[in-house]
Amino acid sequence: VLFLQIVHILNMTSAKIVSFLLHPEESLHSLQNRIEFETGISTGNQELLLETGICLDPRKPASQCVIDGVRGWDSYMVYLFDKSKTVYDGPFASRSLSDCVNYIVQDSKVQLPIPQLRKVWAEAVHYVIGLKEDYSRLFQGQRAAMLSLLRYNANLIKMKNNMVSASQQLKAKLEFFHQSIRLDLERYSDQMAYGISSEKMLKAWKEMEEKASQCAQAEDIGYLDEQIMALHTEIVELQKSPYARRQGEVMESLEQRAIDLYKQLKSRPPDHAYSDSTDMVKIIVQTVQSQDRVLKELFGHLSKLLGCKQKIIDLLPEIEVALNNIKEADNSTQSSSRSLVSSSLEGTASTPAATWLPQSCSGNSAPHPLSSLAAPEDGENFADMIRENVNYLELFSSILQEVRQEQNSMMVS
């Protein structure tokens, strides 16, 4: 018997405990099938949480539900939630009264012999203690739900930070891309007067600029950021709520009063005296009323926790989609940059040689570009050509230097 493994499942939707004897090496899926048979909650909608808020791992055996060691082995709970529900309808009916306790509750002034009254009051004390323990277990289930929510929230924060970082990087790249294209277009317009032109390169620049504008839509994550911030605020308020803390002080006080009352009765001699149960019944009624109040608050708070958790579950795929869109836009920007460079080089290489030469040397009648060098009488034209090429070289050098200076200033800023 000592080596048997028994798992206690507290169904948070009904506030009832179901216990199972675990078979050696039983899988978690097998245990979930048995839970479905007992509770009616399908395996797909079951969420089994430990006290720490950790969800049971389906890859591990069902024995993960049972803690090692002797301490608390018979009181350790696993908390069952129904993922298809976010609103729990509690509070639920209190545990039923035994026949003898129900007898004195129906008529608290009935006179009973002291020996018989001791037995009845002992059961009454047990009932009061049971009411307090029922609340304690349900509060522990609510705490497990809070810890699970905080784990989901930590994952949400991590994904949000990754999304914001990727969005900022994309924004910076797009700004640099736009500035580079604008600078290229300005320089292109400035040197058009010198006769260098490429319609293909100009068209490529325009297309890349439009494509970059389309990619800018991916960096817009403001709507997601607003939802996440609102959710963070809601979770913080739930953590600060008084219902997030234990509310069983009144029940604990009533429990102690019931125990003291029983001790006073027990100390009386077992003579032929009779007594009523008015004081004990008052404690029972007050304990039931206190439990109804705290359970109503507990399940209201629990429903808010589960609602927040569902919002996080719904947000995670949207963040994943936003991250993928940002990555695709980033890859598209990089490929566009490479295409832009290749187009620029291609456009420059395909520029007609005549645009680089004076008009006197660009005619179709020239049999060979070097034929003008063979004639001594063209020495003057040849000298002009050299001077013009030197001017072009100086112009391009100054343009490149300005571009480098502007890029360095942008990177520094």
Protein backbone atom coordinates (compact mmCIF):
# COMPACT_ATOMS: atom_id res chain seq x y z
CA VAL A 1 0.00 0.00 0.00
CA LEU A 2 2.85 2.38 0.81
CA PHE A 3 4.24 2.09 -2.70
CA LEU A 4 0.94 2.84 -4.42
CA GLN A 5 0.81 6.14 -6.30
CA ILE A 6 -2.45 8.06 -5.99
CA VAL A 7 -3.10 11.37 -7.71
CA HIS A 8 -5.77 13.78 -6.51
CA ILE A 9 -7.32 16.00 -9.19
CA LEU A 10 -9.27 19.09 -8.08
CA ASN A 11 -11.76 19.95 -10.81
CA MET A 12 -11.92 23.75 -10.66
CA THR A 13 -15.13 23.79 -12.73
CA SER A 14 -17.07 21.77 -10.14
CA ALA A 15 -14.92 22.15 -6.99
CA LYS A 16 -14.87 18.36 -6.64
CA ILE A 17 -11.87 16.10 -6.09
CA VAL A 18 -11.37 12.92 -8.10
CA SER A 19 -8.58 10.50 -7.19
CA PHE A 20 -6.86 7.93 -9.38
CA LEU A 21 -4.56 5.05 -8.63
CA LEU A 22 -1.71 5.33 -11.11
CA HIS A 23 -0.56 2.25 -12.94
CA PRO A 24 3.18 1.68 -13.29
CA GLU A 25 4.59 3.67 -16.22
CA GLU A 26 1.12 4.99 -17.10
CA SER A 27 1.22 7.77 -19.68
CA LEU A 28 -0.32 11.16 -19.10
CA HIS A 29 -2.64 10.63 -22.07
CA SER A 30 -4.01 7.49 -20.41
CA LEU A 31 -4.66 9.42 -17.21
CA GLN A 32 -6.38 12.17 -19.19
CA ASN A 33 -8.72 9.62 -20.75
CA ARG A 34 -9.69 8.47 -17.27
CA ILE A 35 -10.19 12.08 -16.18
CA GLU A 36 -12.44 12.68 -19.20
CA PHE A 37 -14.56 9.66 -18.21
CA GLU A 38 -14.96 10.99 -14.65
CA THR A 39 -15.40 14.71 -15.30
CA GLY A 40 -16.72 14.97 -18.86
CA ILE A 41 -13.95 17.38 -19.86
CA SER A 42 -12.38 16.22 -23.13
CA THR A 43 -8.65 15.53 -23.21
CA GLY A 44 -8.15 18.38 -25.68
CA ASN A 45 -9.71 20.88 -23.28
CA GLN A 46 -7.97 19.65 -20.14
CA GLU A 47 -5.31 21.84 -18.59
CA LEU A 48 -3.58 20.18 -15.65
CA LEU A 49 -1.54 22.55 -13.49
CA LEU A 50 0.78 21.88 -10.59
CA GLU A 51 0.77 24.23 -7.60
CA THR A 52 3.64 26.15 -9.19
CA GLY A 53 1.51 26.95 -12.25
CA ILE A 54 3.50 24.57 -14.48
CA CYS A 55 1.45 22.60 -16.96
CA LEU A 56 2.01 18.85 -16.97
CA ASP A 57 4.33 17.65 -19.73
CA PRO A 58 2.57 15.18 -22.08
CA ARG A 59 5.95 13.61 -22.90
CA LYS A 60 6.46 12.50 -19.30
CA PRO A 61 4.62 9.69 -17.47
CA ALA A 62 1.58 10.37 -15.28
CA SER A 63 3.70 9.87 -12.16
CA GLN A 64 4.89 13.48 -12.55
CA CYS A 65 1.67 14.38 -10.72
CA VAL A 66 2.94 12.79 -7.49
CA ILE A 67 5.65 14.46 -5.45
CA ASP A 68 8.50 12.46 -3.94
CA GLY A 69 8.81 12.04 -0.21
CA VAL A 70 6.32 11.63 2.60
CA ARG A 71 5.33 15.22 3.35
CA GLY A 72 1.92 15.98 1.91
CA TRP A 73 1.85 12.90 -0.30
CA ASP A 74 -1.87 12.41 0.36
CA SER A 75 -2.89 16.07 0.11
CA TYR A 76 -0.92 17.20 -2.96
CA MET A 77 -3.31 18.39 -5.64
CA VAL A 78 -3.24 18.74 -9.38
CA TYR A 79 -5.66 21.41 -10.61
CA LEU A 80 -7.88 20.71 -13.59
CA PHE A 81 -9.14 23.57 -15.76
CA ASP A 82 -11.42 23.47 -18.78
CA LYS A 83 -9.73 25.43 -21.60
CA SER A 84 -13.06 25.84 -23.39
CA LYS A 85 -14.36 27.99 -20.51
CA THR A 86 -13.11 31.34 -19.30
CA VAL A 87 -16.01 32.12 -16.95
CA TYR A 88 -16.52 29.88 -13.94
CA ASP A 89 -20.00 30.00 -12.45
CA GLY A 90 -19.09 29.47 -8.77
CA PRO A 91 -19.59 29.55 -5.90
CA PHE A 92 -20.68 25.96 -5.62
CA ALA A 93 -22.79 24.27 -2.96
CA SER A 94 -21.00 23.58 0.30
CA ARG A 95 -20.22 20.04 1.36
CA SER A 96 -23.24 18.17 2.64
CA LEU A 97 -24.00 17.86 6.35
CA SER A 98 -24.00 14.53 8.13
CA ASP A 99 -27.32 13.37 9.52
CA CYS A 100 -26.50 14.15 13.13
CA VAL A 101 -25.10 17.62 12.36
CA ASN A 102 -28.09 18.34 10.14
CA TYR A 103 -30.32 17.33 13.11
CA ILE A 104 -28.93 20.04 15.40
CA VAL A 105 -28.90 22.60 12.57
CA GLN A 106 -32.62 22.02 12.02
CA ASP A 107 -33.30 22.49 15.72
CA SER A 108 -30.41 24.08 17.58
CA LYS A 109 -32.30 24.21 20.88
CA VAL A 110 -32.89 20.49 21.14
CA GLN A 111 -31.51 19.12 24.42
CA LEU A 112 -29.10 16.20 24.12
CA PRO A 113 -27.08 14.29 26.71
CA ILE A 114 -23.49 15.42 27.08
CA PRO A 115 -21.92 12.14 25.77
CA GLN A 116 -24.11 12.21 22.66
CA LEU A 117 -23.55 15.94 22.23
CA ARG A 118 -19.78 15.38 22.20
CA LYS A 119 -20.08 13.07 19.19
CA VAL A 120 -22.37 15.49 17.34
CA TRP A 121 -20.13 18.48 18.05
CA ALA A 122 -17.04 16.53 17.00
CA GLU A 123 -18.65 16.01 13.59
CA ALA A 124 -19.67 19.68 13.54
CA VAL A 125 -16.05 20.74 14.15
CA HIS A 126 -14.94 18.38 11.40
CA TYR A 127 -17.50 19.98 9.08
CA VAL A 128 -16.29 23.52 9.87
CA ILE A 129 -12.66 22.49 9.31
CA GLY A 130 -13.69 20.84 6.02
CA LEU A 131 -15.33 24.06 4.79
CA LYS A 132 -12.12 25.99 5.47
CA GLU A 133 -9.98 23.35 3.75
CA ASP A 134 -12.28 23.34 0.70
CA TYR A 135 -11.71 27.06 0.33
CA SER A 136 -7.95 26.67 0.88
CA ARG A 137 -7.70 24.11 -1.92
CA LEU A 138 -9.73 26.24 -4.32
CA PHE A 139 -7.62 29.28 -3.46
CA GLN A 140 -4.50 27.23 -4.18
CA GLY A 141 -6.02 26.40 -7.59
CA GLN A 142 -6.62 30.09 -8.22
CA ARG A 143 -3.00 30.79 -7.27
CA ALA A 144 -1.83 28.11 -9.72
CA ALA A 145 -3.90 29.84 -12.42
CA MET A 146 -2.24 33.18 -11.54
CA LEU A 147 1.26 31.66 -11.75
CA SER A 148 0.36 30.07 -15.08
CA LEU A 149 -0.89 33.46 -16.33
CA LEU A 150 2.40 35.09 -15.29
CA ARG A 151 4.33 32.42 -17.21
CA TYR A 152 2.27 33.14 -20.31
CA ASN A 153 2.78 36.86 -19.73
CA ALA A 154 6.57 36.39 -19.51
CA ASN A 155 6.49 34.61 -22.86
CA LEU A 156 4.33 37.40 -24.29
CA ILE A 157 6.81 40.05 -23.08
CA LYS A 158 9.70 38.13 -24.65
CA MET A 159 7.93 37.89 -28.01
CA LYS A 160 6.86 41.54 -27.81
CA ASN A 161 10.44 42.66 -27.20
CA ASN A 162 11.62 40.61 -30.18
CA MET A 163 8.88 42.12 -32.32
CA VAL A 164 9.67 45.69 -31.26
CA SER A 165 13.41 45.17 -31.79
CA ALA A 166 12.85 43.68 -35.26
CA SER A 167 10.43 46.50 -36.12
CA GLN A 168 12.91 49.19 -35.07
CA GLN A 169 15.69 47.55 -37.08
CA LEU A 170 13.45 47.37 -40.13
CA LYS A 171 12.44 51.00 -39.67
CA ALA A 172 16.09 52.08 -39.50
CA LYS A 173 16.97 50.08 -42.60
CA LEU A 174 14.03 51.50 -44.53
CA GLU A 175 14.92 55.05 -43.54
CA PHE A 176 18.51 54.52 -44.64
CA PHE A 177 17.25 52.87 -47.84
CA HIS A 178 14.93 55.80 -48.63
CA GLN A 179 17.64 58.35 -47.91
CA SER A 180 20.09 56.48 -50.12
CA ILE A 181 17.63 56.34 -53.02
CA ARG A 182 16.72 60.02 -52.63
CA LEU A 183 20.40 60.90 -52.61
CA ASP A 184 21.02 58.75 -55.68
CA LEU A 185 18.13 60.40 -57.52
CA GLU A 186 19.36 63.86 -56.59
CA ARG A 187 22.88 63.10 -57.78
CA TYR A 188 21.51 61.48 -60.90
CA SER A 189 19.51 64.62 -61.70
CA ASP A 190 22.54 66.84 -61.05
CA GLN A 191 24.81 65.00 -63.47
CA MET A 192 22.18 64.57 -66.21
CA ALA A 193 23.54 67.75 -67.75
CA TYR A 194 26.85 66.01 -68.42
CA GLY A 195 25.16 63.43 -70.63
CA ILE A 196 25.26 60.33 -68.41
CA SER A 197 21.84 58.62 -68.28
CA SER A 198 20.31 55.18 -67.87
CA GLU A 199 16.58 54.68 -68.05
CA LYS A 200 16.93 51.11 -66.76
CA MET A 201 18.77 52.23 -63.65
CA LEU A 202 16.30 55.08 -63.04
CA LYS A 203 13.36 52.69 -63.39
CA ALA A 204 14.97 50.24 -60.97
CA TRP A 205 15.43 53.00 -58.39
CA LYS A 206 11.79 54.05 -58.65
CA GLU A 207 10.58 50.45 -58.31
CA MET A 208 12.78 49.86 -55.29
CA GLU A 209 11.47 53.03 -53.65
CA GLU A 210 7.87 51.88 -54.10
CA LYS A 211 8.74 48.42 -52.80
CA ALA A 212 10.38 49.92 -49.73
CA SER A 213 7.22 51.94 -49.07
CA GLN A 214 5.20 48.73 -49.15
CA CYS A 215 7.63 47.06 -46.73
CA ALA A 216 7.10 49.94 -44.32
CA GLN A 217 3.63 48.56 -43.57
CA ALA A 218 5.25 45.57 -41.83
CA GLU A 219 6.90 47.81 -39.21
CA ASP A 220 3.52 49.16 -38.10
CA ILE A 221 2.91 47.18 -34.89
CA GLY A 222 1.19 49.96 -32.96
CA TYR A 223 -2.14 48.15 -32.72
CA LEU A 224 -0.48 45.07 -31.21
CA ASP A 225 1.62 47.16 -28.84
CA GLU A 226 -1.52 48.91 -27.55
CA GLN A 227 -3.28 45.60 -26.91
CA ILE A 228 -0.25 44.19 -25.08
CA MET A 229 0.14 47.28 -22.90
CA ALA A 230 -3.57 47.21 -22.00
CA LEU A 231 -3.23 43.54 -21.12
CA HIS A 232 -0.17 44.23 -18.95
CA THR A 233 -2.13 46.88 -17.06
CA GLU A 234 -5.00 44.44 -16.52
CA ILE A 235 -2.67 41.74 -15.20
CA VAL A 236 -0.99 44.17 -12.79
CA GLU A 237 -4.41 45.20 -11.46
CA LEU A 238 -5.32 41.54 -10.96
CA GLN A 239 -2.11 41.00 -9.01
CA LYS A 240 -2.88 44.00 -6.79
CA SER A 241 -6.48 42.92 -6.23
CA PRO A 242 -7.33 41.90 -2.63
CA TYR A 243 -8.99 38.78 -4.08
CA ALA A 244 -5.57 37.63 -5.24
CA ARG A 245 -4.69 37.14 -1.57
CA ARG A 246 -6.07 34.63 0.85
CA GLN A 247 -9.45 35.66 2.31
CA GLY A 248 -9.97 32.82 4.81
CA GLU A 249 -9.18 34.70 8.02
CA VAL A 250 -12.84 34.74 9.09
CA MET A 251 -13.20 31.03 8.44
CA GLU A 252 -10.00 30.29 10.37
CA SER A 253 -11.33 32.30 13.30
CA LEU A 254 -14.63 30.40 13.21
CA GLU A 255 -12.72 27.14 13.05
CA GLN A 256 -10.81 28.02 16.20
CA ARG A 257 -14.03 29.05 17.97
CA ALA A 258 -15.62 25.69 17.10
CA ILE A 259 -12.58 23.82 18.43
CA ASP A 260 -12.60 25.84 21.67
CA LEU A 261 -16.32 25.24 22.10
CA TYR A 262 -15.84 21.51 21.68
CA LYS A 263 -12.97 21.50 24.21
CA GLN A 264 -15.22 23.23 26.75
CA LEU A 265 -17.90 20.60 26.23
CA LYS A 266 -15.35 17.79 26.45
CA SER A 267 -14.10 19.06 29.79
CA ARG A 268 -17.58 18.75 31.33
CA PRO A 269 -18.17 15.61 33.39
CA PRO A 270 -20.26 12.91 31.67
CA ASP A 271 -23.19 13.24 34.12
CA HIS A 272 -26.86 13.17 33.35
CA ALA A 273 -26.88 16.82 32.27
CA TYR A 274 -28.36 17.95 28.96
CA SER A 275 -27.42 20.89 26.73
CA ASP A 276 -28.43 22.49 23.43
CA SER A 277 -26.29 23.32 20.35
CA THR A 278 -27.13 26.98 19.81
CA ASP A 279 -23.54 28.25 19.91
CA MET A 280 -22.18 25.51 17.65
CA VAL A 281 -24.96 25.97 15.08
CA LYS A 282 -24.21 29.72 14.95
CA ILE A 283 -20.60 28.91 14.10
CA ILE A 284 -21.69 26.45 11.39
CA VAL A 285 -24.06 28.98 9.79
CA GLN A 286 -21.48 31.77 9.90
CA THR A 287 -18.84 29.49 8.37
CA VAL A 288 -21.16 28.50 5.50
CA GLN A 289 -22.03 32.15 4.85
CA SER A 290 -18.37 33.18 4.97
CA GLN A 291 -17.44 30.40 2.53
CA ASP A 292 -20.19 31.47 0.12
CA ARG A 293 -18.84 35.03 0.15
CA VAL A 294 -15.16 34.20 -0.32
CA LEU A 295 -15.89 31.59 -3.01
CA LYS A 296 -17.97 34.10 -4.96
CA GLU A 297 -15.05 36.52 -4.86
CA LEU A 298 -12.55 33.75 -5.67
CA PHE A 299 -14.36 32.50 -8.76
CA GLY A 300 -14.99 36.03 -9.99
CA HIS A 301 -11.28 36.74 -9.75
CA LEU A 302 -10.43 33.37 -11.31
CA SER A 303 -12.64 34.13 -14.30
CA LYS A 304 -10.74 37.39 -14.86
CA LEU A 305 -7.42 35.52 -14.70
CA LEU A 306 -8.57 32.97 -17.25
CA GLY A 307 -9.93 35.76 -19.46
CA CYS A 308 -6.52 37.47 -19.49
CA LYS A 309 -4.82 34.18 -20.23
CA GLN A 310 -7.10 33.60 -23.20
CA LYS A 311 -6.29 37.08 -24.51
CA ILE A 312 -2.59 36.21 -24.38
CA ILE A 313 -3.23 32.91 -26.18
CA ASP A 314 -5.09 34.83 -28.90
CA LEU A 315 -2.35 37.47 -29.16
CA LEU A 316 0.61 35.10 -29.54
CA PRO A 317 -0.25 33.97 -33.12
CA GLU A 318 -0.77 37.61 -34.17
CA ILE A 319 2.67 38.53 -32.83
CA GLU A 320 4.15 35.53 -34.64
CA VAL A 321 2.55 36.70 -37.90
CA ALA A 322 3.86 40.25 -37.34
CA LEU A 323 7.37 38.88 -36.73
CA ASN A 324 7.24 36.83 -39.92
CA ASN A 325 6.03 39.86 -41.89
CA ILE A 326 8.89 41.95 -40.50
CA LYS A 327 11.43 39.26 -41.38
CA GLU A 328 10.02 38.96 -44.91
CA ALA A 329 10.12 42.74 -45.34
CA ASP A 330 13.70 42.78 -44.02
CA ASN A 331 14.74 40.07 -46.48
CA SER A 332 12.93 41.91 -49.28
CA THR A 333 14.76 45.13 -48.40
CA GLN A 334 18.12 43.38 -48.45
CA SER A 335 17.41 41.72 -51.79
CA SER A 336 16.18 45.06 -53.14
CA SER A 337 19.43 46.68 -52.09
CA ARG A 338 21.43 44.02 -53.88
CA SER A 339 19.23 44.39 -56.96
CA LEU A 340 19.65 48.14 -56.80
CA VAL A 341 23.44 47.85 -56.74
CA SER A 342 23.48 45.37 -59.62
CA SER A 343 21.09 47.56 -61.61
CA SER A 344 23.27 50.59 -60.99
CA LEU A 345 26.38 48.77 -62.14
CA GLU A 346 24.55 47.31 -65.10
CA GLY A 347 23.14 50.70 -66.04
CA THR A 348 26.55 52.32 -65.81
CA ALA A 349 28.19 49.57 -67.84
CA SER A 350 25.50 49.77 -70.51
CA THR A 351 25.86 53.54 -70.88
CA PRO A 352 26.86 54.27 -74.49
CA ALA A 353 30.51 55.19 -74.90
CA ALA A 354 29.45 58.17 -76.99
CA THR A 355 27.98 59.85 -73.90
CA TRP A 356 31.42 59.85 -72.33
CA LEU A 357 33.11 61.42 -75.40
CA PRO A 358 32.89 64.89 -76.95
CA GLN A 359 30.40 65.31 -79.73
CA SER A 360 33.18 65.64 -82.31
CA CYS A 361 34.33 62.07 -81.57
CA SER A 362 31.01 60.34 -81.14
CA GLY A 363 29.91 60.17 -84.73
CA ASN A 364 29.12 56.84 -86.41
CA SER A 365 31.61 57.62 -89.21
CA ALA A 366 34.56 56.88 -86.95
CA PRO A 367 35.94 53.48 -88.00
CA HIS A 368 37.47 52.82 -84.54
CA PRO A 369 37.53 54.71 -81.24
CA LEU A 370 41.36 54.97 -81.43
CA SER A 371 41.47 56.03 -85.06
CA SER A 372 41.43 59.68 -84.02
CA LEU A 373 44.78 59.15 -82.25
CA ALA A 374 46.53 58.23 -85.52
CA ALA A 375 46.00 61.62 -87.16
CA PRO A 376 48.45 64.31 -86.05
CA GLU A 377 46.03 67.03 -87.06
CA ASP A 378 43.59 65.91 -84.36
CA GLY A 379 46.04 66.71 -81.58
CA GLU A 380 43.98 69.68 -80.44
CA ASN A 381 40.82 67.55 -80.14
CA PHE A 382 42.78 64.89 -78.28
CA ALA A 383 44.02 67.45 -75.73
CA ASP A 384 40.46 68.73 -75.24
CA MET A 385 39.26 65.17 -74.66
CA ILE A 386 41.89 64.61 -71.96
CA ARG A 387 40.97 67.84 -70.19
CA GLU A 388 37.28 66.94 -70.32
CA ASN A 389 37.92 63.48 -68.92
CA VAL A 390 39.97 64.98 -66.11
CA ASN A 391 37.05 67.29 -65.31
CA TYR A 392 34.66 64.32 -65.26
CA LEU A 393 37.01 62.45 -62.96
CA GLU A 394 37.20 65.35 -60.54
CA LEU A 395 33.41 65.74 -60.61
CA PHE A 396 32.81 62.07 -59.81
CA SER A 397 35.42 62.15 -57.05
CA SER A 398 33.68 65.10 -55.39
CA ILE A 399 30.30 63.35 -55.69
CA LEU A 400 31.64 60.16 -54.10
CA GLN A 401 33.23 62.13 -51.30
CA GLU A 402 29.95 63.92 -50.53
CA VAL A 403 28.07 60.62 -50.50
CA ARG A 404 30.55 59.11 -48.06
CA GLN A 405 30.33 62.15 -45.79
CA GLU A 406 26.52 62.04 -45.74
CA GLN A 407 26.46 58.29 -45.04
CA ASN A 408 28.96 58.71 -42.20
CA SER A 409 26.94 61.56 -40.71
CA MET A 410 23.76 59.46 -40.86
CA MET A 411 25.45 56.50 -39.19
CA VAL A 412 26.85 58.69 -36.44
CA SER A 413 23.46 60.31 -35.80
